[in-house]
Amino acid sequence: MVSTPENTLVKPEVYETKRIQLTSPMLHIGSEVSKLSPFEYVQTSNRVYLPNRDLLAKALYQKAKLQEYITRIENREEITSLLKEAFGENWQSNQELEAIFPKTGISRKWTEEKISDLRPMIRNGFGQLYIPGSSIKGAIRTAIAYHLLKYPDQYQVSQKTRVSEIETRLRETMGELKRNAKFADDSLFMNSLFSEFSLFYQGKLAPGKTSLPNTDFMRAVHVTDSEPILEFNRKNKQDKSVSFNLPVAVEVIVSSRFDNMKAKYKASLYVEMIRNLRTEFTLSINPELLSWFCHKEKMNIPFKNVDDILNICREFSQDQWEAENFYWQDIQNNPHAGGKNLEFSSIRNFYAQDCSFSLRLGWGSGMFGTTVSLCLDEELVETIRDTCGISAPGYEAPKSRRTVVDPKGEIKFVPGWVKFKEL
């Protein structure tokens, strides 16, 4: 490795690369549009369609229905009856409308409830579902931060970035926290853990910029977007056909608890998810570039290869799993909670098993999956929640959970748990 004539160090291109299979019982990664209004999708008794709205408008114009379509949009009304008027009762099976209602925008409807404000899954430029590499890398980054804070002596984490010091500063700045909550972790510990590095090459300080993101050691880690998530069927050992990558529009129950530990219904959300997810991505480390990073206070980077990262993720998942299991074993079912039957036995049974997952990813993974809160004092985390979010004095943080209802109307799944398998 040599410098260019401009004395700029060239990033080495030798990677340790592993192909990873990612599987999940139920997953949602949000799109840039958090919620769709009723006129932006079409729901029938068993399907939800995300139409190409430009093509739909043109087709309705040809049927002299464009003005009525515009009126319904303005009034935020559904358009199913309008489609029947324009294209006939069997518009769903009309192959001439496939461009308007592409197969990549069709989900099974898993609820008998009328869906409102659907939360769509992210799609690539071809309209295909996928998982962005940035989402996977962000979750890995949280796992690494948690690992460093959990084992400060092992990695020589600086005193200013140890849990006790972080807790002290959080208590001292609680009054300002709400205003700066989104970026508070950067100044408290994330910048110190990941970015207070200098780059050394052959024993000398490398030339170039010495500010973020150049000095972030996660530059040496690359995560690709997943393969497109396309539905397919495969026979299992019992010779039965099993569907994978099944897009489903589901009811998500947001629940908490009363003082007596009875489950409390808070709300229903309607979310597009992937059931029986199976896809692949590539995880790479640039070991030479990683070796250039030297922390200003001598902290050690906690991984040297891909296997180290995967092990860090698994341990983070195990700690989350144990915390969730503790919560769910104490919650009591409540058949009369706000009109919902909060029967959580399936969720309790799920968490009563040993954890076999590698990470918790995407929407619904909650405070445990997206922060290092498991490292912090429980009462302090409650105070942060009360200050920055919805106040719930006297209750643990997080107070609420999200669970998924199956087609039979039973609370059956927990979103976000994923497994990594090296291929």
Protein backbone atom coordinates (compact mmCIF):
# COMPACT_ATOMS: atom_id res chain seq x y z
CA MET A 1 0.00 0.00 0.00
CA VAL A 2 1.46 3.35 -1.06
CA SER A 3 0.27 6.92 -1.02
CA THR A 4 -0.92 8.66 -4.13
CA PRO A 5 1.09 11.60 -5.50
CA GLU A 6 -1.25 13.88 -3.58
CA ASN A 7 -0.10 12.10 -0.40
CA THR A 8 -3.59 10.72 0.17
CA LEU A 9 -3.65 7.23 1.59
CA VAL A 10 -5.60 4.76 -0.53
CA LYS A 11 -8.08 2.53 1.29
CA PRO A 12 -6.96 -1.12 1.07
CA GLU A 13 -9.29 -3.38 -0.86
CA VAL A 14 -8.57 -6.81 0.69
CA TYR A 15 -11.60 -8.01 2.64
CA GLU A 16 -12.65 -10.96 4.72
CA THR A 17 -16.08 -11.61 3.27
CA LYS A 18 -18.83 -13.98 4.31
CA ARG A 19 -22.18 -14.63 2.77
CA ILE A 20 -24.89 -14.65 5.44
CA GLN A 21 -28.33 -16.16 5.24
CA LEU A 22 -30.86 -14.06 7.17
CA THR A 23 -34.10 -15.66 8.35
CA SER A 24 -36.91 -14.36 10.52
CA PRO A 25 -40.40 -15.47 11.54
CA MET A 26 -41.75 -11.93 11.10
CA LEU A 27 -40.00 -8.71 10.05
CA HIS A 28 -40.79 -5.15 9.07
CA ILE A 29 -38.31 -2.53 7.88
CA GLY A 30 -40.03 0.81 7.43
CA SER A 31 -39.94 2.90 4.27
CA GLU A 32 -39.39 6.64 3.88
CA VAL A 33 -43.19 6.95 4.05
CA SER A 34 -44.13 5.84 7.54
CA LYS A 35 -47.87 5.47 6.89
CA LEU A 36 -50.14 5.30 3.86
CA SER A 37 -53.57 6.92 3.80
CA PRO A 38 -56.59 4.83 2.71
CA PHE A 39 -56.54 6.15 -0.86
CA GLU A 40 -52.90 5.05 -1.30
CA TYR A 41 -53.72 1.36 -1.05
CA VAL A 42 -56.65 -0.91 -1.83
CA GLN A 43 -57.91 -3.57 0.55
CA THR A 44 -60.24 -6.43 -0.19
CA SER A 45 -61.31 -9.26 2.09
CA ASN A 46 -58.05 -11.16 1.55
CA ARG A 47 -55.52 -8.86 -0.15
CA VAL A 48 -53.95 -5.42 0.19
CA TYR A 49 -52.72 -3.74 -3.01
CA LEU A 50 -50.23 -0.91 -3.38
CA PRO A 51 -51.04 0.47 -6.83
CA ASN A 52 -48.91 2.49 -9.20
CA ARG A 53 -50.89 5.68 -8.63
CA ASP A 54 -49.76 7.43 -11.83
CA LEU A 55 -50.87 4.53 -14.01
CA LEU A 56 -54.06 4.20 -11.99
CA ALA A 57 -54.90 7.87 -12.53
CA LYS A 58 -54.36 7.51 -16.29
CA ALA A 59 -56.56 4.41 -16.46
CA LEU A 60 -59.32 6.12 -14.47
CA TYR A 61 -59.08 9.15 -16.74
CA GLN A 62 -59.75 6.88 -19.71
CA LYS A 63 -62.80 5.56 -17.86
CA ALA A 64 -64.03 9.10 -17.06
CA LYS A 65 -63.52 8.41 -13.36
CA LEU A 66 -60.54 10.65 -12.67
CA GLN A 67 -62.51 13.45 -11.00
CA GLU A 68 -64.24 11.02 -8.67
CA TYR A 69 -60.82 9.55 -7.85
CA ILE A 70 -59.49 13.02 -7.01
CA THR A 71 -62.53 13.73 -4.85
CA ARG A 72 -61.99 10.54 -2.88
CA ILE A 73 -58.35 11.41 -2.38
CA GLU A 74 -59.28 14.84 -1.08
CA ASN A 75 -61.81 13.27 1.30
CA ARG A 76 -59.36 10.49 2.29
CA GLU A 77 -61.87 7.84 1.23
CA GLU A 78 -61.27 4.26 0.06
CA ILE A 79 -61.40 3.54 -3.67
CA THR A 80 -62.37 -0.15 -3.86
CA SER A 81 -65.91 0.57 -5.03
CA LEU A 82 -64.56 3.00 -7.63
CA LEU A 83 -62.31 0.29 -9.06
CA LYS A 84 -65.30 -2.03 -9.43
CA GLU A 85 -67.21 0.70 -11.27
CA ALA A 86 -64.30 1.43 -13.59
CA PHE A 87 -62.82 -2.02 -14.22
CA GLY A 88 -65.54 -4.48 -13.21
CA GLU A 89 -66.15 -6.79 -10.27
CA ASN A 90 -63.16 -8.98 -11.24
CA TRP A 91 -60.58 -6.18 -11.48
CA GLN A 92 -58.24 -8.15 -9.19
CA SER A 93 -57.78 -10.92 -11.77
CA ASN A 94 -57.66 -8.63 -14.82
CA GLN A 95 -54.19 -9.21 -16.34
CA GLU A 96 -54.42 -5.93 -18.23
CA LEU A 97 -54.22 -4.14 -14.87
CA GLU A 98 -51.04 -5.92 -13.73
CA ALA A 99 -48.88 -2.83 -14.33
CA ILE A 100 -51.25 -0.80 -12.16
CA PHE A 101 -51.32 -3.44 -9.42
CA PRO A 102 -47.86 -5.09 -9.65
CA LYS A 103 -47.32 -8.42 -7.93
CA THR A 104 -44.55 -6.88 -5.82
CA GLY A 105 -47.17 -4.62 -4.24
CA ILE A 106 -49.65 -7.30 -3.12
CA SER A 107 -49.87 -8.63 0.44
CA ARG A 108 -52.14 -11.20 2.06
CA LYS A 109 -54.54 -9.55 4.43
CA TRP A 110 -54.28 -11.30 7.78
CA THR A 111 -56.98 -9.42 9.60
CA GLU A 112 -60.75 -9.12 9.33
CA GLU A 113 -60.47 -5.58 10.69
CA LYS A 114 -60.59 -2.66 8.30
CA ILE A 115 -57.01 -1.52 7.80
CA SER A 116 -56.31 2.15 8.38
CA ASP A 117 -53.04 4.01 7.92
CA LEU A 118 -51.05 1.04 6.63
CA ARG A 119 -47.30 1.08 7.42
CA PRO A 120 -45.55 -0.17 4.26
CA MET A 121 -42.36 -2.24 4.07
CA ILE A 122 -39.35 -0.72 2.32
CA ARG A 123 -38.84 -1.53 -1.39
CA ASN A 124 -35.99 -1.08 -3.82
CA GLY A 125 -36.13 0.83 -7.11
CA PHE A 126 -37.81 -2.13 -8.81
CA GLY A 127 -40.59 -2.25 -6.24
CA GLN A 128 -39.15 -5.37 -4.58
CA LEU A 129 -38.99 -5.85 -0.84
CA TYR A 130 -35.48 -5.93 0.64
CA ILE A 131 -33.45 -5.15 3.76
CA PRO A 132 -31.05 -2.22 3.45
CA GLY A 133 -27.48 -2.95 4.51
CA SER A 134 -27.60 0.27 6.53
CA SER A 135 -30.37 -1.22 8.70
CA ILE A 136 -28.33 -4.35 9.41
CA LYS A 137 -25.15 -2.36 10.04
CA GLY A 138 -26.96 0.03 12.37
CA ALA A 139 -28.18 -2.87 14.50
CA ILE A 140 -24.67 -4.37 14.52
CA ARG A 141 -23.28 -1.01 15.62
CA THR A 142 -25.67 -0.94 18.60
CA ALA A 143 -24.61 -4.48 19.54
CA ILE A 144 -20.94 -3.46 19.46
CA ALA A 145 -21.58 -0.37 21.60
CA TYR A 146 -23.45 -2.53 24.11
CA HIS A 147 -20.59 -5.05 24.15
CA LEU A 148 -17.96 -2.36 24.84
CA LEU A 149 -19.99 -0.87 27.66
CA LYS A 150 -20.66 -4.29 29.16
CA TYR A 151 -16.95 -5.26 29.19
CA PRO A 152 -15.06 -1.97 29.69
CA ASP A 153 -12.01 -3.51 31.38
CA GLN A 154 -11.52 -6.13 28.69
CA TYR A 155 -11.30 -3.44 25.99
CA GLN A 156 -9.79 -0.64 28.08
CA VAL A 157 -12.75 1.65 27.55
CA SER A 158 -11.89 5.16 28.77
CA GLN A 159 -13.28 6.21 32.14
CA LYS A 160 -15.35 9.00 30.58
CA THR A 161 -17.22 6.40 28.50
CA ARG A 162 -17.95 3.88 31.20
CA VAL A 163 -21.52 3.24 32.30
CA SER A 164 -21.17 4.99 35.66
CA GLU A 165 -19.94 8.18 34.00
CA ILE A 166 -22.63 8.03 31.32
CA GLU A 167 -25.30 7.66 34.01
CA THR A 168 -23.90 10.61 35.95
CA ARG A 169 -23.95 12.88 32.90
CA LEU A 170 -27.44 11.73 31.96
CA ARG A 171 -28.74 12.69 35.39
CA GLU A 172 -26.96 16.05 35.23
CA THR A 173 -28.35 16.92 31.78
CA MET A 174 -31.85 15.46 32.14
CA GLY A 175 -33.42 18.90 31.77
CA GLU A 176 -31.85 19.34 28.33
CA LEU A 177 -32.25 15.75 27.23
CA LYS A 178 -35.67 16.06 25.62
CA ARG A 179 -34.49 18.77 23.25
CA ASN A 180 -31.41 16.82 22.18
CA ALA A 181 -32.58 13.25 22.74
CA LYS A 182 -32.05 12.11 19.14
CA PHE A 183 -28.32 12.82 19.23
CA ALA A 184 -27.60 12.59 22.96
CA ASP A 185 -25.90 9.19 22.69
CA ASP A 186 -23.36 10.58 20.20
CA SER A 187 -21.90 13.07 22.65
CA LEU A 188 -22.35 10.79 25.66
CA PHE A 189 -20.54 7.71 24.38
CA MET A 190 -21.00 6.75 20.70
CA ASN A 191 -18.44 9.22 19.33
CA SER A 192 -15.89 8.18 21.92
CA LEU A 193 -16.44 4.47 21.34
CA PHE A 194 -16.39 4.59 17.55
CA SER A 195 -14.71 7.77 16.35
CA GLU A 196 -12.02 9.02 18.73
CA PHE A 197 -9.35 7.31 16.66
CA SER A 198 -6.29 8.27 14.71
CA LEU A 199 -5.20 6.33 11.65
CA PHE A 200 -1.62 5.01 11.60
CA TYR A 201 0.05 3.42 8.60
CA GLN A 202 3.48 1.79 8.91
CA GLY A 203 3.98 3.44 12.28
CA LYS A 204 3.17 6.93 11.07
CA LEU A 205 0.07 9.07 11.39
CA ALA A 206 -1.81 8.67 8.12
CA PRO A 207 -2.48 11.86 6.13
CA GLY A 208 -5.96 13.10 5.43
CA LYS A 209 -8.97 14.26 7.38
CA THR A 210 -9.15 13.47 11.09
CA SER A 211 -12.85 14.09 11.69
CA LEU A 212 -16.07 12.12 11.44
CA PRO A 213 -16.79 9.84 9.62
CA ASN A 214 -13.16 9.28 8.58
CA THR A 215 -12.07 8.18 12.06
CA ASP A 216 -15.00 5.82 12.69
CA PHE A 217 -13.65 2.25 12.82
CA MET A 218 -16.91 0.92 11.37
CA ARG A 219 -15.58 2.22 8.05
CA ALA A 220 -13.77 -1.12 7.95
CA VAL A 221 -17.08 -3.02 8.03
CA HIS A 222 -19.24 -3.30 4.94
CA VAL A 223 -22.77 -4.71 4.85
CA THR A 224 -24.57 -5.11 1.53
CA ASP A 225 -28.28 -4.76 0.96
CA SER A 226 -30.06 -8.07 1.09
CA GLU A 227 -31.12 -9.96 -1.99
CA PRO A 228 -34.63 -8.99 -3.15
CA ILE A 229 -37.20 -10.68 -0.94
CA LEU A 230 -39.23 -12.71 -3.43
CA GLU A 231 -41.92 -15.18 -2.46
CA PHE A 232 -41.23 -18.87 -3.08
CA ASN A 233 -42.44 -22.28 -1.94
CA ARG A 234 -40.38 -25.25 -0.80
CA LYS A 235 -41.30 -28.68 0.52
CA ASN A 236 -40.33 -29.52 4.09
CA LYS A 237 -39.27 -32.90 5.51
CA GLN A 238 -42.92 -33.93 5.73
CA ASP A 239 -43.28 -33.24 1.99
CA LYS A 240 -45.60 -30.30 2.66
CA SER A 241 -45.23 -27.06 0.72
CA VAL A 242 -44.07 -24.14 2.86
CA SER A 243 -44.27 -20.51 1.74
CA PHE A 244 -41.30 -18.24 2.33
CA ASN A 245 -41.01 -14.46 2.03
CA LEU A 246 -44.76 -14.08 2.28
CA PRO A 247 -45.86 -10.39 2.32
CA VAL A 248 -48.68 -9.98 4.83
CA ALA A 249 -50.67 -7.02 6.09
CA VAL A 250 -51.18 -7.69 9.79
CA GLU A 251 -52.72 -6.22 12.89
CA VAL A 252 -50.10 -5.36 15.48
CA ILE A 253 -51.29 -5.12 19.06
CA VAL A 254 -49.63 -2.47 21.21
CA SER A 255 -50.09 -3.54 24.83
CA SER A 256 -48.81 -2.68 28.27
CA ARG A 257 -50.04 -3.64 31.75
CA PHE A 258 -52.04 -2.49 34.73
CA ASP A 259 -50.65 -2.35 38.28
CA ASN A 260 -51.96 -5.87 38.93
CA MET A 261 -49.97 -7.21 35.92
CA LYS A 262 -53.11 -7.72 33.82
CA ALA A 263 -52.43 -6.95 30.18
CA LYS A 264 -53.69 -3.57 28.95
CA TYR A 265 -54.72 -2.84 25.36
CA LYS A 266 -53.32 0.41 24.00
CA ALA A 267 -53.81 0.42 20.22
CA SER A 268 -53.85 -1.55 16.99
CA LEU A 269 -51.47 -0.75 14.14
CA TYR A 270 -51.62 -2.16 10.63
CA VAL A 271 -48.27 -3.10 9.20
CA GLU A 272 -46.92 -4.78 6.09
CA MET A 273 -44.50 -7.52 7.16
CA ILE A 274 -42.64 -10.50 5.78
CA ARG A 275 -43.60 -13.90 7.15
CA ASN A 276 -41.04 -16.74 6.99
CA LEU A 277 -38.33 -14.43 5.73
CA ARG A 278 -35.32 -15.97 4.00
CA THR A 279 -32.76 -13.86 2.17
CA GLU A 280 -28.99 -13.29 1.98
CA PHE A 281 -26.50 -10.46 2.39
CA THR A 282 -22.72 -10.07 2.52
CA LEU A 283 -20.80 -9.01 5.64
CA SER A 284 -17.20 -7.92 5.05
CA ILE A 285 -14.30 -6.61 7.13
CA ASN A 286 -11.27 -4.82 5.77
CA PRO A 287 -8.65 -6.14 8.26
CA GLU A 288 -5.80 -3.94 7.05
CA LEU A 289 -7.87 -0.77 7.31
CA LEU A 290 -9.11 -1.89 10.73
CA SER A 291 -5.49 -2.26 11.90
CA TRP A 292 -4.80 1.39 11.09
CA PHE A 293 -7.21 2.64 13.81
CA CYS A 294 -5.65 3.58 17.13
CA HIS A 295 -7.91 4.96 19.84
CA LYS A 296 -6.73 8.20 21.42
CA GLU A 297 -7.18 6.66 24.88
CA LYS A 298 -5.97 3.17 23.90
CA MET A 299 -9.36 1.44 23.77
CA ASN A 300 -9.26 -1.85 21.86
CA ILE A 301 -11.60 -2.57 18.98
CA PRO A 302 -13.68 -5.61 20.08
CA PHE A 303 -13.49 -7.62 16.85
CA LYS A 304 -10.93 -8.75 14.31
CA ASN A 305 -13.07 -10.81 11.96
CA VAL A 306 -16.64 -11.52 10.90
CA ASP A 307 -17.08 -14.32 13.43
CA ASP A 308 -16.26 -11.92 16.25
CA ILE A 309 -19.02 -9.58 15.08
CA LEU A 310 -21.54 -12.40 14.82
CA ASN A 311 -20.70 -13.53 18.35
CA ILE A 312 -21.15 -9.99 19.68
CA CYS A 313 -24.58 -9.85 18.02
CA ARG A 314 -25.61 -13.19 19.51
CA GLU A 315 -24.68 -12.13 23.02
CA PHE A 316 -26.61 -8.88 22.64
CA SER A 317 -29.61 -10.92 21.48
CA GLN A 318 -29.29 -13.26 24.44
CA ASP A 319 -29.43 -10.37 26.92
CA GLN A 320 -32.46 -8.86 25.16
CA TRP A 321 -34.13 -12.27 25.12
CA GLU A 322 -33.70 -12.74 28.85
CA ALA A 323 -35.12 -9.29 29.57
CA GLU A 324 -38.14 -9.95 27.34
CA ASN A 325 -38.70 -13.35 28.90
CA PHE A 326 -38.70 -11.75 32.36
CA TYR A 327 -41.40 -9.30 31.21
CA TRP A 328 -43.67 -11.80 29.49
CA GLN A 329 -43.65 -14.42 32.24
CA ASP A 330 -45.16 -11.84 34.60
CA ILE A 331 -47.88 -10.51 32.29
CA GLN A 332 -51.33 -12.02 32.82
CA ASN A 333 -53.76 -12.58 29.98
CA ASN A 334 -56.76 -10.29 29.87
CA PRO A 335 -59.78 -11.39 27.80
CA HIS A 336 -61.63 -8.11 28.32
CA ALA A 337 -59.10 -5.39 27.54
CA GLY A 338 -60.53 -2.60 25.42
CA GLY A 339 -62.50 -5.01 23.25
CA LYS A 340 -59.44 -7.20 22.58
CA ASN A 341 -58.68 -10.65 23.93
CA LEU A 342 -55.13 -10.24 25.18
CA GLU A 343 -54.16 -13.91 25.25
CA PHE A 344 -50.35 -13.93 25.31
CA SER A 345 -49.64 -17.61 26.00
CA SER A 346 -47.95 -18.03 22.59
CA ILE A 347 -45.63 -15.13 23.33
CA ARG A 348 -44.74 -16.53 26.76
CA ASN A 349 -44.02 -19.92 25.21
CA PHE A 350 -41.88 -18.27 22.54
CA TYR A 351 -39.65 -16.56 25.12
CA ALA A 352 -39.58 -19.58 27.44
CA GLN A 353 -37.40 -21.36 24.86
CA ASP A 354 -33.65 -20.87 24.52
CA CYS A 355 -32.67 -17.91 22.35
CA SER A 356 -31.63 -19.06 18.88
CA PHE A 357 -31.54 -15.63 17.25
CA SER A 358 -28.59 -13.49 16.21
CA LEU A 359 -30.02 -9.98 16.40
CA ARG A 360 -33.23 -7.98 16.65
CA LEU A 361 -33.80 -5.83 13.62
CA GLY A 362 -36.20 -3.24 12.29
CA TRP A 363 -39.54 -1.93 13.48
CA GLY A 364 -40.91 -3.32 16.71
CA SER A 365 -37.51 -4.21 18.16
CA GLY A 366 -38.08 -1.60 20.84
CA MET A 367 -35.83 0.17 23.32
CA PHE A 368 -33.84 -2.98 24.13
CA GLY A 369 -32.98 -3.60 20.48
CA THR A 370 -32.14 -0.04 19.43
CA THR A 371 -30.32 1.32 22.49
CA VAL A 372 -27.85 0.25 25.16
CA SER A 373 -30.51 0.66 27.86
CA LEU A 374 -29.85 -2.83 29.24
CA CYS A 375 -26.48 -1.53 30.44
CA LEU A 376 -28.02 1.34 32.40
CA ASP A 377 -29.72 1.60 35.77
CA GLU A 378 -33.39 0.63 35.37
CA GLU A 379 -34.73 3.66 37.27
CA LEU A 380 -32.60 5.99 35.15
CA VAL A 381 -33.96 4.42 31.96
CA GLU A 382 -37.49 4.97 33.29
CA THR A 383 -36.68 8.62 33.95
CA ILE A 384 -35.30 9.03 30.43
CA ARG A 385 -38.48 7.49 29.03
CA ASP A 386 -40.67 9.79 31.13
CA THR A 387 -38.61 12.81 30.04
CA CYS A 388 -38.27 12.10 26.32
CA GLY A 389 -41.29 9.95 25.52
CA ILE A 390 -44.69 9.15 26.95
CA SER A 391 -44.51 9.44 30.71
CA ALA A 392 -45.44 6.34 32.71
CA PRO A 393 -44.24 6.95 36.28
CA GLY A 394 -43.79 3.80 38.31
CA TYR A 395 -43.61 1.48 35.28
CA GLU A 396 -40.62 -0.24 33.76
CA ALA A 397 -39.12 1.03 30.53
CA PRO A 398 -40.12 0.02 28.00
CA LYS A 399 -43.67 -0.28 29.28
CA SER A 400 -45.40 -1.36 26.07
CA ARG A 401 -44.73 -4.18 23.60
CA ARG A 402 -45.79 -4.95 20.05
CA THR A 403 -47.09 -8.36 19.04
CA VAL A 404 -48.55 -9.67 15.78
CA VAL A 405 -52.00 -11.22 15.29
CA ASP A 406 -52.24 -14.26 13.01
CA PRO A 407 -55.03 -14.93 10.44
CA LYS A 408 -57.12 -16.69 13.10
CA GLY A 409 -57.14 -13.57 15.27
CA GLU A 410 -54.69 -14.98 17.84
CA ILE A 411 -51.68 -13.08 19.17
CA LYS A 412 -48.90 -15.26 17.83
CA PHE A 413 -45.70 -13.50 16.76
CA VAL A 414 -43.05 -11.04 17.92
CA PRO A 415 -41.51 -8.89 15.16
CA GLY A 416 -37.84 -8.32 14.47
CA TRP A 417 -35.95 -11.41 15.63
CA VAL A 418 -33.50 -12.60 12.95
CA LYS A 419 -31.01 -15.45 12.58
CA PHE A 420 -27.67 -15.23 10.76
CA LYS A 421 -26.18 -18.36 9.20
CA GLU A 422 -22.86 -18.40 7.40
CA LEU A 423 -23.14 -19.90 3.92
